[in-house]
Structure formats: C-alpha cells, structure tokens
C-alpha cells in the first residue's frame, strides 16, 4: 500500500495528524519555548514580535491573539504545546477542556466528576 493513510473523521474534532503537525510546526515550536520563564516574559513583553520571531502565519497569530483553543488547534496546535501557552495566563487543562466543549470550567469539572462515578 502506498500513499498517506486517510485521517479518521471524528465529528467536532481536528485530529492531530501529519498534516496538522506540519501546519502547526511554527506555532508548536513557539509554544514549546514557553518551558523557559525568560521566553514567557519575552512573549508577554512583545507578543507580536515574539510571534514574528517564530514565523507564525496570520491564521496562527490570529489564534494566539484570540486565546481560543479551538482556533489554535485548527491552526495546527497540539494540545500538549498549547498547554504551555495557556499556562502563561494561569489556565490549566480543565480551562482548555471547557473551551473545547463550550462549557464553563465548573460545568466541565462536574462532567468529569460524573463520568468518573
């Protein structure tokens, strides 16, 4: 068999596959840089300059500006690296999950608790 395997269609999701990995390389590389406190401070001091430094395209830059997880994922973001970005603003994975599902954080937490019972 030759060629690229078909991506599974999961309604309401954007699977992180090879195409998304290539699309989001600059965005994910920038978010990975936030492991270093100096880089987090540099981003907060000059967001536009920092995005330019990593070569983000306009879709990625707009997603960063909007702080919307679904836009970041559509722009090629990987949840692991996006968590680094969200952490700058004091957000955690429950905040991200709430955004992805269109719930408040409290609603999302209650759903997680209910699912674990």
C-alpha atoms as a PDB file:
ATOM      1  CA  UNK A   1       0.000   0.000   0.000  1.00  0.00           C
ATOM      2  CA  UNK A   2       1.364   3.440  -0.901  1.00  0.00           C
ATOM      3  CA  UNK A   3       0.364   6.965  -0.014  1.00  0.00           C
ATOM      4  CA  UNK A   4      -0.759   8.578   3.193  1.00  0.00           C
ATOM      5  CA  UNK A   5      -3.367   6.799   5.285  1.00  0.00           C
ATOM      6  CA  UNK A   6      -6.731   8.549   5.459  1.00  0.00           C
ATOM      7  CA  UNK A   7      -7.390  10.616   8.547  1.00  0.00           C
ATOM      8  CA  UNK A   8     -10.306   9.387  10.611  1.00  0.00           C
ATOM      9  CA  UNK A   9     -13.240  11.760  10.669  1.00  0.00           C
ATOM     10  CA  UNK A  10     -14.344  12.375  14.228  1.00  0.00           C
ATOM     11  CA  UNK A  11     -17.189  14.909  14.251  1.00  0.00           C
ATOM     12  CA  UNK A  12     -16.343  18.059  16.172  1.00  0.00           C
ATOM     13  CA  UNK A  13     -12.613  17.339  16.349  1.00  0.00           C
ATOM     14  CA  UNK A  14      -9.453  18.177  14.469  1.00  0.00           C
ATOM     15  CA  UNK A  15      -7.225  15.082  14.670  1.00  0.00           C
ATOM     16  CA  UNK A  16      -3.550  15.922  15.139  1.00  0.00           C
ATOM     17  CA  UNK A  17      -2.066  14.034  12.208  1.00  0.00           C
ATOM     18  CA  UNK A  18       0.957  14.553   9.975  1.00  0.00           C
ATOM     19  CA  UNK A  19      -0.742  17.329   8.020  1.00  0.00           C
ATOM     20  CA  UNK A  20      -1.636  19.217  11.205  1.00  0.00           C
ATOM     21  CA  UNK A  21       1.877  18.644  12.586  1.00  0.00           C
ATOM     22  CA  UNK A  22       3.419  20.248   9.513  1.00  0.00           C
ATOM     23  CA  UNK A  23       0.860  23.049   9.501  1.00  0.00           C
ATOM     24  CA  UNK A  24       1.446  23.839  13.170  1.00  0.00           C
ATOM     25  CA  UNK A  25       5.221  23.429  13.339  1.00  0.00           C
ATOM     26  CA  UNK A  26       5.996  27.131  13.977  1.00  0.00           C
ATOM     27  CA  UNK A  27       3.111  27.520  16.447  1.00  0.00           C
ATOM     28  CA  UNK A  28       4.086  24.418  18.413  1.00  0.00           C
ATOM     29  CA  UNK A  29       7.767  25.358  18.364  1.00  0.00           C
ATOM     30  CA  UNK A  30       6.883  28.753  19.809  1.00  0.00           C
ATOM     31  CA  UNK A  31       4.649  27.220  22.492  1.00  0.00           C
ATOM     32  CA  UNK A  32       7.410  24.739  23.403  1.00  0.00           C
ATOM     33  CA  UNK A  33       9.706  27.712  24.003  1.00  0.00           C
ATOM     34  CA  UNK A  34       7.455  28.683  26.918  1.00  0.00           C
ATOM     35  CA  UNK A  35       9.110  25.975  29.011  1.00  0.00           C
ATOM     36  CA  UNK A  36      11.660  28.730  29.750  1.00  0.00           C
ATOM     37  CA  UNK A  37      10.478  31.533  32.049  1.00  0.00           C
ATOM     38  CA  UNK A  38      12.554  34.095  30.137  1.00  0.00           C
ATOM     39  CA  UNK A  39      10.683  33.203  26.953  1.00  0.00           C
ATOM     40  CA  UNK A  40       7.309  33.554  28.697  1.00  0.00           C
ATOM     41  CA  UNK A  41       8.354  37.013  29.867  1.00  0.00           C
ATOM     42  CA  UNK A  42       9.598  37.949  26.378  1.00  0.00           C
ATOM     43  CA  UNK A  43       6.264  36.898  24.879  1.00  0.00           C
ATOM     44  CA  UNK A  44       4.284  38.933  27.397  1.00  0.00           C
ATOM     45  CA  UNK A  45       6.503  41.960  26.767  1.00  0.00           C
ATOM     46  CA  UNK A  46       6.045  41.859  22.963  1.00  0.00           C
ATOM     47  CA  UNK A  47       3.564  39.270  21.703  1.00  0.00           C
ATOM     48  CA  UNK A  48       3.668  40.427  18.082  1.00  0.00           C
ATOM     49  CA  UNK A  49       7.460  40.473  17.952  1.00  0.00           C
ATOM     50  CA  UNK A  50       7.669  37.069  19.607  1.00  0.00           C
ATOM     51  CA  UNK A  51       5.223  35.548  17.102  1.00  0.00           C
ATOM     52  CA  UNK A  52       7.190  37.108  14.256  1.00  0.00           C
ATOM     53  CA  UNK A  53      10.420  35.631  15.664  1.00  0.00           C
ATOM     54  CA  UNK A  54       8.919  32.144  15.291  1.00  0.00           C
ATOM     55  CA  UNK A  55       7.429  32.790  11.856  1.00  0.00           C
ATOM     56  CA  UNK A  56       3.761  32.289  12.718  1.00  0.00           C
ATOM     57  CA  UNK A  57       1.422  32.767   9.786  1.00  0.00           C
ATOM     58  CA  UNK A  58      -1.612  35.052  10.086  1.00  0.00           C
ATOM     59  CA  UNK A  59      -4.005  32.206  10.985  1.00  0.00           C
ATOM     60  CA  UNK A  60      -1.718  31.151  13.833  1.00  0.00           C
ATOM     61  CA  UNK A  61      -1.105  34.725  15.010  1.00  0.00           C
ATOM     62  CA  UNK A  62      -4.849  35.454  14.997  1.00  0.00           C
ATOM     63  CA  UNK A  63      -5.463  32.294  17.020  1.00  0.00           C
ATOM     64  CA  UNK A  64      -2.827  33.353  19.561  1.00  0.00           C
ATOM     65  CA  UNK A  65      -4.374  36.803  19.811  1.00  0.00           C
ATOM     66  CA  UNK A  66      -7.867  35.346  20.330  1.00  0.00           C
ATOM     67  CA  UNK A  67      -6.712  32.899  23.054  1.00  0.00           C
ATOM     68  CA  UNK A  68      -9.286  30.438  21.680  1.00  0.00           C
ATOM     69  CA  UNK A  69      -8.193  26.822  21.954  1.00  0.00           C
ATOM     70  CA  UNK A  70     -10.282  25.577  19.029  1.00  0.00           C
ATOM     71  CA  UNK A  71      -8.747  28.236  16.752  1.00  0.00           C
ATOM     72  CA  UNK A  72      -5.279  27.241  17.951  1.00  0.00           C
ATOM     73  CA  UNK A  73      -5.985  23.569  17.236  1.00  0.00           C
ATOM     74  CA  UNK A  74      -7.370  24.410  13.787  1.00  0.00           C
ATOM     75  CA  UNK A  75      -4.148  26.380  13.138  1.00  0.00           C
ATOM     76  CA  UNK A  76      -2.115  23.219  13.787  1.00  0.00           C
ATOM     77  CA  UNK A  77      -1.654  23.461  17.532  1.00  0.00           C
ATOM     78  CA  UNK A  78      -1.029  20.350  19.589  1.00  0.00           C
ATOM     79  CA  UNK A  79      -2.794  20.236  22.970  1.00  0.00           C
ATOM     80  CA  UNK A  80       0.462  19.405  24.781  1.00  0.00           C
ATOM     81  CA  UNK A  81       2.207  22.514  23.461  1.00  0.00           C
ATOM     82  CA  UNK A  82      -0.902  24.686  23.762  1.00  0.00           C
ATOM     83  CA  UNK A  83      -0.948  23.893  27.475  1.00  0.00           C
ATOM     84  CA  UNK A  84       2.415  25.699  27.693  1.00  0.00           C
ATOM     85  CA  UNK A  85       0.814  28.767  26.120  1.00  0.00           C
ATOM     86  CA  UNK A  86      -2.296  28.566  28.307  1.00  0.00           C
ATOM     87  CA  UNK A  87      -0.124  28.326  31.418  1.00  0.00           C
ATOM     88  CA  UNK A  88       1.191  31.839  30.793  1.00  0.00           C
ATOM     89  CA  UNK A  89      -2.302  33.109  31.542  1.00  0.00           C
ATOM     90  CA  UNK A  90      -2.916  30.826  34.522  1.00  0.00           C
ATOM     91  CA  UNK A  91      -5.110  28.422  32.561  1.00  0.00           C
ATOM     92  CA  UNK A  92      -4.996  24.667  33.077  1.00  0.00           C
ATOM     93  CA  UNK A  93      -6.202  21.649  31.100  1.00  0.00           C
ATOM     94  CA  UNK A  94      -9.684  21.961  32.612  1.00  0.00           C
ATOM     95  CA  UNK A  95      -9.912  25.509  31.239  1.00  0.00           C
ATOM     96  CA  UNK A  96      -8.857  24.163  27.845  1.00  0.00           C
ATOM     97  CA  UNK A  97     -11.382  21.306  28.045  1.00  0.00           C
ATOM     98  CA  UNK A  98     -14.125  23.761  28.954  1.00  0.00           C
ATOM     99  CA  UNK A  99     -13.309  25.919  25.922  1.00  0.00           C
ATOM    100  CA  UNK A 100     -13.262  22.885  23.643  1.00  0.00           C
ATOM    101  CA  UNK A 101     -16.686  21.735  24.817  1.00  0.00           C
ATOM    102  CA  UNK A 102     -18.313  25.156  25.067  1.00  0.00           C
ATOM    103  CA  UNK A 103     -18.875  24.764  28.804  1.00  0.00           C
ATOM    104  CA  UNK A 104     -17.865  26.808  31.773  1.00  0.00           C
ATOM    105  CA  UNK A 105     -14.980  25.406  33.774  1.00  0.00           C
ATOM    106  CA  UNK A 106     -17.355  24.436  36.598  1.00  0.00           C
ATOM    107  CA  UNK A 107     -19.660  22.620  34.165  1.00  0.00           C
ATOM    108  CA  UNK A 108     -16.692  20.807  32.640  1.00  0.00           C
ATOM    109  CA  UNK A 109     -15.377  19.769  36.063  1.00  0.00           C
ATOM    110  CA  UNK A 110     -18.834  18.477  37.036  1.00  0.00           C
ATOM    111  CA  UNK A 111     -18.955  16.445  33.816  1.00  0.00           C
ATOM    112  CA  UNK A 112     -15.558  14.914  34.627  1.00  0.00           C
ATOM    113  CA  UNK A 113     -16.671  14.027  38.143  1.00  0.00           C
ATOM    114  CA  UNK A 114     -19.918  12.483  36.867  1.00  0.00           C
ATOM    115  CA  UNK A 115     -18.028  10.437  34.267  1.00  0.00           C
ATOM    116  CA  UNK A 116     -15.755   9.036  36.996  1.00  0.00           C
ATOM    117  CA  UNK A 117     -18.624   7.727  39.123  1.00  0.00           C
END
